């Protein structure tokens, strides 16, 4: 019987447990494979052999794309695809891909040096958000409100960052304390919720435990979600949007999205939706 699914991740979190618990309801067997225990490279990828689908949920922003590439090379179906994961892992790659397809994205500047940073400060008005090209869950994202502190903020990147850690994006502060998380399974927008910052933390990231509530259907949001999936291909995505005076723009697309908060906000059984989609991919 087909239906043996491997969740490749560095640890079992709430989402992974839910996927494993709900899998039998749709005729699947799901097990965790530690992404730190694989030694891929053999043409038959023995560490993943026997699985019909590999669901990549590695939280590493370098590991996921590499693992998906190797699994696909061995002929194993992966979700998401290596192409999609690698695009999501790299904020610059994602923005350029979507911008080329006329999908609205937040304005940004690529900063690779202090000269880039100083030029960006001249071009874009404060406040600005400084974020790593590689990274997620709101980590190492800095809000720069004052020109007096901007250079000191960049000191930390210049002195403590190594390699790709020094590659950053700077963009206008758009969200005003809220963002929209869209959860996509396959091509379907199964849930959407607005997340607002809580307390003194300005970041409206779902992983930070901020306030949230379900959103009604919005044709503009649906259009953007459809456009993103057209570029990345079917998969399981968390698409984050900001609302601006000229409409919604894509901020990030997460290739291994958490869904505890959005499930709580909307009441949608996201794990079951993912399980049904996995079953469909085996048909």
Protein backbone atom coordinates (compact mmCIF):
# COMPACT_ATOMS: atom_id res chain seq x y z
CA UNK A 1 0.00 0.00 0.00
CA UNK A 2 1.29 3.40 -0.98
CA UNK A 3 1.19 6.14 1.62
CA UNK A 4 4.47 6.06 3.51
CA UNK A 5 5.50 9.67 4.20
CA UNK A 6 8.76 10.92 5.70
CA UNK A 7 8.80 14.24 7.54
CA UNK A 8 12.38 15.42 7.24
CA UNK A 9 13.03 17.92 10.03
CA UNK A 10 15.53 18.78 12.72
CA UNK A 11 13.00 18.17 15.49
CA UNK A 12 9.42 17.20 16.19
CA UNK A 13 7.33 20.24 16.98
CA UNK A 14 3.60 20.73 17.47
CA UNK A 15 2.95 20.74 13.73
CA UNK A 16 4.89 17.55 13.06
CA UNK A 17 3.07 15.75 15.87
CA UNK A 18 -0.29 16.80 14.44
CA UNK A 19 0.70 15.55 10.98
CA UNK A 20 1.73 12.19 12.41
CA UNK A 21 -1.44 11.92 14.54
CA UNK A 22 -3.89 12.75 11.73
CA UNK A 23 -2.18 10.72 8.98
CA UNK A 24 -4.05 7.41 9.65
CA UNK A 25 -7.38 9.20 9.08
CA UNK A 26 -6.48 9.54 5.39
CA UNK A 27 -4.70 6.23 5.04
CA UNK A 28 -1.15 7.49 5.48
CA UNK A 29 1.75 6.47 7.65
CA UNK A 30 3.95 9.41 8.58
CA UNK A 31 7.26 9.16 10.40
CA UNK A 32 9.96 11.61 11.38
CA UNK A 33 13.40 11.42 9.78
CA UNK A 34 15.99 13.57 11.53
CA UNK A 35 17.58 15.84 8.95
CA UNK A 36 20.83 15.66 10.92
CA UNK A 37 21.04 11.87 10.55
CA UNK A 38 21.05 11.67 6.74
CA UNK A 39 24.12 11.01 4.66
CA UNK A 40 22.69 11.48 1.21
CA UNK A 41 24.66 11.05 -1.97
CA UNK A 42 24.12 7.43 -2.89
CA UNK A 43 22.06 7.26 -6.12
CA UNK A 44 19.31 5.34 -4.33
CA UNK A 45 19.30 7.61 -1.23
CA UNK A 46 19.02 4.64 1.14
CA UNK A 47 18.20 6.87 4.12
CA UNK A 48 14.94 7.87 2.42
CA UNK A 49 14.18 4.74 0.40
CA UNK A 50 10.82 3.16 1.07
CA UNK A 51 9.03 6.50 1.39
CA UNK A 52 6.53 7.56 -1.24
CA UNK A 53 6.81 11.27 -0.45
CA UNK A 54 9.34 13.29 1.54
CA UNK A 55 7.87 16.32 3.29
CA UNK A 56 10.71 18.75 3.96
CA UNK A 57 10.12 20.66 7.19
CA UNK A 58 13.69 21.45 8.14
CA UNK A 59 13.88 24.77 9.96
CA UNK A 60 17.40 25.36 8.70
CA UNK A 61 17.59 28.02 6.02
CA UNK A 62 20.28 26.11 4.15
CA UNK A 63 19.51 22.47 4.90
CA UNK A 64 16.01 22.18 3.40
CA UNK A 65 16.89 23.03 -0.19
CA UNK A 66 19.96 20.81 -0.17
CA UNK A 67 18.02 17.82 1.14
CA UNK A 68 15.21 18.33 -1.36
CA UNK A 69 17.69 18.55 -4.23
CA UNK A 70 19.35 15.29 -3.24
CA UNK A 71 16.04 13.49 -2.72
CA UNK A 72 14.73 14.63 -6.12
CA UNK A 73 17.97 13.52 -7.77
CA UNK A 74 17.28 10.04 -6.37
CA UNK A 75 13.78 10.08 -7.87
CA UNK A 76 11.91 10.62 -4.61
CA UNK A 77 8.94 13.01 -4.69
CA UNK A 78 9.51 15.96 -2.37
CA UNK A 79 7.25 18.63 -0.93
CA UNK A 80 8.04 21.28 -1.40
CA UNK A 81 10.12 21.02 -4.55
CA UNK A 82 13.80 21.88 -4.35
CA UNK A 83 13.16 24.85 -6.63
CA UNK A 84 10.44 26.23 -4.37
CA UNK A 85 12.39 25.68 -1.16
CA UNK A 86 15.52 27.33 -2.52
CA UNK A 87 13.48 30.32 -3.68
CA UNK A 88 11.85 30.68 -0.26
CA UNK A 89 15.12 30.24 1.64
CA UNK A 90 16.61 33.25 -0.12
CA UNK A 91 14.59 36.44 0.35
CA UNK A 92 16.36 38.13 -2.56
CA UNK A 93 15.72 35.24 -4.95
CA UNK A 94 12.05 35.18 -3.96
CA UNK A 95 11.58 38.91 -4.43
CA UNK A 96 13.25 38.98 -7.83
CA UNK A 97 11.28 35.93 -8.99
CA UNK A 98 7.96 37.44 -7.95
CA UNK A 99 8.78 40.95 -9.15
CA UNK A 100 9.67 39.58 -12.60
CA UNK A 101 6.24 37.94 -12.70
CA UNK A 102 4.55 41.23 -11.70
CA UNK A 103 3.58 39.91 -8.28
CA UNK A 104 3.62 42.88 -5.86
CA UNK A 105 6.50 42.74 -3.38
CA UNK A 106 7.77 45.21 -0.81
CA UNK A 107 10.37 47.68 -2.03
CA UNK A 108 13.87 46.70 -0.93
CA UNK A 109 17.59 47.28 -1.32
CA UNK A 110 20.24 44.57 -1.22
CA UNK A 111 22.95 45.51 1.29
CA UNK A 112 26.31 43.75 1.02
CA UNK A 113 28.53 46.48 2.45
CA UNK A 114 28.45 49.65 4.53
CA UNK A 115 28.50 51.68 1.31
CA UNK A 116 25.33 49.89 0.21
CA UNK A 117 23.80 50.58 3.60
CA UNK A 118 24.66 54.29 3.54
CA UNK A 119 23.29 54.67 0.01
CA UNK A 120 20.07 52.95 1.07
CA UNK A 121 19.69 55.36 3.98
CA UNK A 122 19.88 58.21 1.46
CA UNK A 123 17.32 56.64 -0.86
CA UNK A 124 14.66 55.31 1.52
CA UNK A 125 12.97 57.26 4.33
CA UNK A 126 13.03 56.05 7.92
CA UNK A 127 11.79 53.93 9.60
CA UNK A 128 13.42 51.00 7.81
CA UNK A 129 13.61 47.27 8.44
CA UNK A 130 16.95 45.47 8.18
CA UNK A 131 16.70 41.71 7.73
CA UNK A 132 19.03 38.87 6.70
CA UNK A 133 18.70 37.44 3.20
CA UNK A 134 18.73 33.98 4.83
CA UNK A 135 16.58 33.57 7.92
CA UNK A 136 13.08 33.25 9.27
CA UNK A 137 10.70 33.35 12.25
CA UNK A 138 11.48 37.03 12.78
CA UNK A 139 15.03 36.31 13.91
CA UNK A 140 17.69 39.03 13.43
CA UNK A 141 15.13 41.45 11.96
CA UNK A 142 15.79 45.00 13.15
CA UNK A 143 13.63 48.11 13.02
CA UNK A 144 15.71 51.23 12.44
CA UNK A 145 13.79 54.31 13.56
CA UNK A 146 16.60 56.86 13.94
CA UNK A 147 19.47 57.85 11.69
CA UNK A 148 21.64 58.30 14.80
CA UNK A 149 21.53 54.58 15.59
CA UNK A 150 21.59 53.19 12.04
CA UNK A 151 25.37 53.04 11.73
CA UNK A 152 25.70 51.36 15.11
CA UNK A 153 23.18 48.71 14.06
CA UNK A 154 25.22 47.96 10.96
CA UNK A 155 28.36 47.63 13.11
CA UNK A 156 26.97 44.36 14.46
CA UNK A 157 26.48 42.94 10.98
CA UNK A 158 29.88 44.07 9.81
CA UNK A 159 31.78 42.88 12.89
CA UNK A 160 29.86 39.73 13.88
CA UNK A 161 28.36 38.45 10.63
CA UNK A 162 30.15 35.79 8.60
CA UNK A 163 29.69 35.00 4.93
CA UNK A 164 26.05 35.06 3.93
CA UNK A 165 25.09 36.39 7.36
CA UNK A 166 26.30 39.79 6.14
CA UNK A 167 23.93 39.74 3.15
CA UNK A 168 20.89 41.80 4.13
CA UNK A 169 17.82 43.46 2.75
CA UNK A 170 16.62 46.88 3.82
CA UNK A 171 13.00 47.79 3.18
CA UNK A 172 10.48 50.39 4.31
CA UNK A 173 8.55 49.65 7.50
CA UNK A 174 5.13 48.95 5.99
CA UNK A 175 3.00 46.85 8.23
CA UNK A 176 2.24 49.23 11.09
CA UNK A 177 2.17 46.26 13.44
CA UNK A 178 0.16 43.71 11.47
CA UNK A 179 0.52 41.23 8.65
CA UNK A 180 -1.60 38.63 6.87
CA UNK A 181 -0.58 34.96 6.91
CA UNK A 182 -2.04 32.87 4.10
CA UNK A 183 -1.71 29.10 4.41
CA UNK A 184 -1.66 27.26 1.10
CA UNK A 185 -2.00 23.52 0.56
CA UNK A 186 -1.51 22.44 -3.04
CA UNK A 187 -3.04 25.39 -4.83
CA UNK A 188 -5.77 26.05 -2.27
CA UNK A 189 -5.79 28.91 0.21
CA UNK A 190 -7.08 26.90 3.18
CA UNK A 191 -6.77 29.59 5.86
CA UNK A 192 -5.93 33.28 6.23
CA UNK A 193 -5.43 35.29 9.40
CA UNK A 194 -4.20 38.70 10.43
CA UNK A 195 -1.38 38.80 12.98
CA UNK A 196 -0.79 41.92 15.04
CA UNK A 197 2.21 42.70 17.22
CA UNK A 198 1.66 42.37 20.95
CA UNK A 199 3.27 44.24 23.80
CA UNK A 200 6.56 45.97 23.03
CA UNK A 201 7.57 43.68 20.15
CA UNK A 202 6.83 45.43 16.84
CA UNK A 203 7.20 42.23 14.80
CA UNK A 204 3.90 40.65 13.72
CA UNK A 205 5.32 37.18 13.17
CA UNK A 206 3.09 34.21 14.01
CA UNK A 207 6.04 32.38 15.55
CA UNK A 208 6.32 35.12 18.17
CA UNK A 209 2.91 34.37 19.62
CA UNK A 210 1.28 37.67 18.68
CA UNK A 211 -2.45 38.45 18.47
CA UNK A 212 -4.35 36.95 15.57
CA UNK A 213 -7.82 36.63 14.09
CA UNK A 214 -9.33 34.98 11.02
CA UNK A 215 -9.81 36.97 7.82
CA UNK A 216 -12.78 36.89 5.51
CA UNK A 217 -12.24 36.01 1.87
CA UNK A 218 -10.53 38.84 0.00
CA UNK A 219 -10.31 38.60 -3.83
CA UNK A 220 -7.10 40.66 -3.86
CA UNK A 221 -5.42 38.29 -1.40
CA UNK A 222 -6.61 35.28 -3.41
CA UNK A 223 -5.20 36.76 -6.63
CA UNK A 224 -1.77 37.30 -5.06
CA UNK A 225 -1.74 33.81 -3.54
CA UNK A 226 -2.60 32.29 -6.92
CA UNK A 227 0.19 34.29 -8.56
CA UNK A 228 2.76 33.13 -6.00
CA UNK A 229 1.78 29.48 -6.47
CA UNK A 230 1.98 29.93 -10.25
CA UNK A 231 5.65 30.85 -9.84
CA UNK A 232 6.66 28.34 -7.15
CA UNK A 233 4.46 25.41 -8.14
CA UNK A 234 2.00 23.49 -6.00
CA UNK A 235 3.12 22.95 -2.44
CA UNK A 236 2.64 23.82 1.21
CA UNK A 237 3.37 27.48 1.90
CA UNK A 238 2.91 30.19 4.46
CA UNK A 239 2.60 33.42 2.44
CA UNK A 240 3.01 36.62 4.45
CA UNK A 241 1.49 39.83 3.12
CA UNK A 242 1.54 43.46 4.21
CA UNK A 243 -1.30 45.83 3.40
CA UNK A 244 -0.22 49.21 2.03
CA UNK A 245 -2.00 52.27 0.69
CA UNK A 246 -1.64 50.77 -2.80
CA UNK A 247 -2.72 47.22 -1.93
CA UNK A 248 -1.16 44.05 -0.56
CA UNK A 249 2.47 43.15 -1.13
CA UNK A 250 4.28 39.88 -0.50
CA UNK A 251 6.75 40.03 2.34
CA UNK A 252 7.91 36.42 2.63
CA UNK A 253 6.95 32.89 1.65
CA UNK A 254 7.77 30.17 4.18
CA UNK A 255 8.55 26.73 2.75
CA UNK A 256 8.08 24.89 6.10
CA UNK A 257 5.36 26.99 7.71
CA UNK A 258 4.14 26.60 11.25
CA UNK A 259 0.36 26.39 11.47
CA UNK A 260 -0.57 26.20 15.14
CA UNK A 261 -1.43 29.91 15.35
CA UNK A 262 -3.38 30.10 12.11
CA UNK A 263 -5.28 26.92 13.00
CA UNK A 264 -6.17 28.48 16.34
CA UNK A 265 -7.28 31.71 14.66
CA UNK A 266 -9.41 30.13 11.93
CA UNK A 267 -10.49 26.75 13.29
CA UNK A 268 -9.26 25.07 10.10
CA UNK A 269 -7.74 21.61 10.61
CA UNK A 270 -4.58 22.35 8.67
CA UNK A 271 -2.91 19.02 9.42
CA UNK A 272 -5.84 17.13 7.90
CA UNK A 273 -5.79 19.38 4.83
CA UNK A 274 -2.10 18.59 4.36
CA UNK A 275 -2.78 14.87 4.85
CA UNK A 276 -5.50 14.88 2.19
CA UNK A 277 -3.19 16.67 -0.21
CA UNK A 278 -0.41 14.17 0.41
CA UNK A 279 -2.86 11.38 -0.35
CA UNK A 280 -3.87 13.13 -3.59
CA UNK A 281 -0.24 13.33 -4.71
CA UNK A 282 -0.04 9.52 -4.51
CA UNK A 283 -3.03 8.95 -6.77
